[in-house]
Protein backbone atom coordinates (compact mmCIF):
# COMPACT_ATOMS: atom_id res chain seq x y z
CA MET A 1 26.59 45.37 -37.32
CA ALA A 2 24.81 44.78 -33.99
CA GLU A 3 24.60 41.02 -34.73
CA LYS A 4 28.30 40.71 -35.22
CA GLU A 5 28.85 42.43 -31.83
CA LYS A 6 26.45 40.00 -30.14
CA LYS A 7 28.38 37.12 -31.66
CA LYS A 8 31.65 38.47 -30.35
CA VAL A 9 30.22 38.75 -26.84
CA LYS A 10 29.00 35.17 -27.02
CA LYS A 11 32.32 33.82 -28.37
CA SER A 12 34.37 35.66 -25.71
CA GLU A 13 32.27 34.06 -22.93
CA ASN A 14 34.00 30.95 -21.59
CA ALA A 15 32.34 27.65 -20.72
CA ILE A 16 32.29 28.27 -17.02
CA GLN A 17 30.58 31.68 -17.36
CA ARG A 18 28.02 30.11 -19.74
CA TYR A 19 27.33 27.20 -17.37
CA PHE A 20 26.61 29.55 -14.45
CA ARG A 21 24.46 31.84 -16.67
CA GLU A 22 22.43 28.99 -17.92
CA THR A 23 22.10 27.33 -14.51
CA THR A 24 20.84 30.58 -13.01
CA GLY A 25 18.26 30.90 -15.84
CA GLU A 26 17.06 27.34 -15.24
CA LEU A 27 16.75 27.84 -11.44
CA ARG A 28 14.50 30.80 -12.08
CA LYS A 29 12.05 28.51 -13.91
CA VAL A 30 11.83 26.04 -11.04
CA SER A 31 8.52 25.67 -9.14
CA TRP A 32 9.71 25.47 -5.56
CA PRO A 33 7.41 23.66 -3.00
CA THR A 34 5.83 25.54 -0.16
CA TRP A 35 7.12 24.94 3.37
CA PRO A 36 4.16 22.64 4.42
CA GLU A 37 4.50 20.71 1.17
CA ALA A 38 8.23 20.29 1.70
CA LYS A 39 7.69 19.03 5.30
CA ARG A 40 5.01 16.54 4.12
CA LEU A 41 7.19 15.20 1.30
CA THR A 42 10.20 14.93 3.62
CA GLY A 43 8.11 12.89 6.14
CA LEU A 44 6.93 10.60 3.26
CA VAL A 45 10.52 10.00 2.12
CA LEU A 46 11.61 9.18 5.71
CA MET A 47 8.72 6.72 6.10
CA VAL A 48 9.56 4.97 2.79
CA MET A 49 13.21 4.75 3.82
CA VAL A 50 12.26 3.05 7.08
CA PHE A 51 9.82 0.67 5.40
CA VAL A 52 12.37 -0.35 2.75
CA GLY A 53 15.08 -0.72 5.48
CA LEU A 54 12.85 -3.01 7.53
CA PHE A 55 11.86 -4.98 4.45
CA LEU A 56 15.50 -5.52 3.47
CA ALA A 57 16.46 -6.45 7.05
CA LEU A 58 13.61 -9.06 6.99
CA ILE A 59 14.75 -10.49 3.68
CA ASP A 60 18.36 -10.61 4.98
CA PHE A 61 17.32 -12.37 8.11
CA LEU A 62 15.21 -14.90 6.24
CA SER A 63 17.88 -15.65 3.63
CA ASP A 64 20.54 -16.03 6.40
CA SER A 65 18.26 -18.44 8.28
CA LEU A 66 17.54 -20.41 5.12
CA MET A 67 21.24 -20.68 4.24
CA ASN A 68 22.09 -21.81 7.79
CA LEU A 69 19.32 -24.41 7.53
CA VAL A 70 20.60 -25.70 4.12
CA LEU A 71 24.22 -25.72 5.13
CA GLY A 72 23.42 -27.27 8.56
CA ILE A 73 25.22 -24.56 10.52
């Protein structure tokens, strides 16, 4: 009898309620970084972004110069 009642509760739960219940359960399993670790990783991401931006700017400049040379502009 108890199993049938559990099934009724599960069936009456709509998709939105199930989504939030499952999301909350998954967030409890997350291993959150410490504050110093988060600062270090944020700095690393910013440095990589700057490096990639400079690299792409250099490639853009060189390809622009090469196209101007080829086209005689």
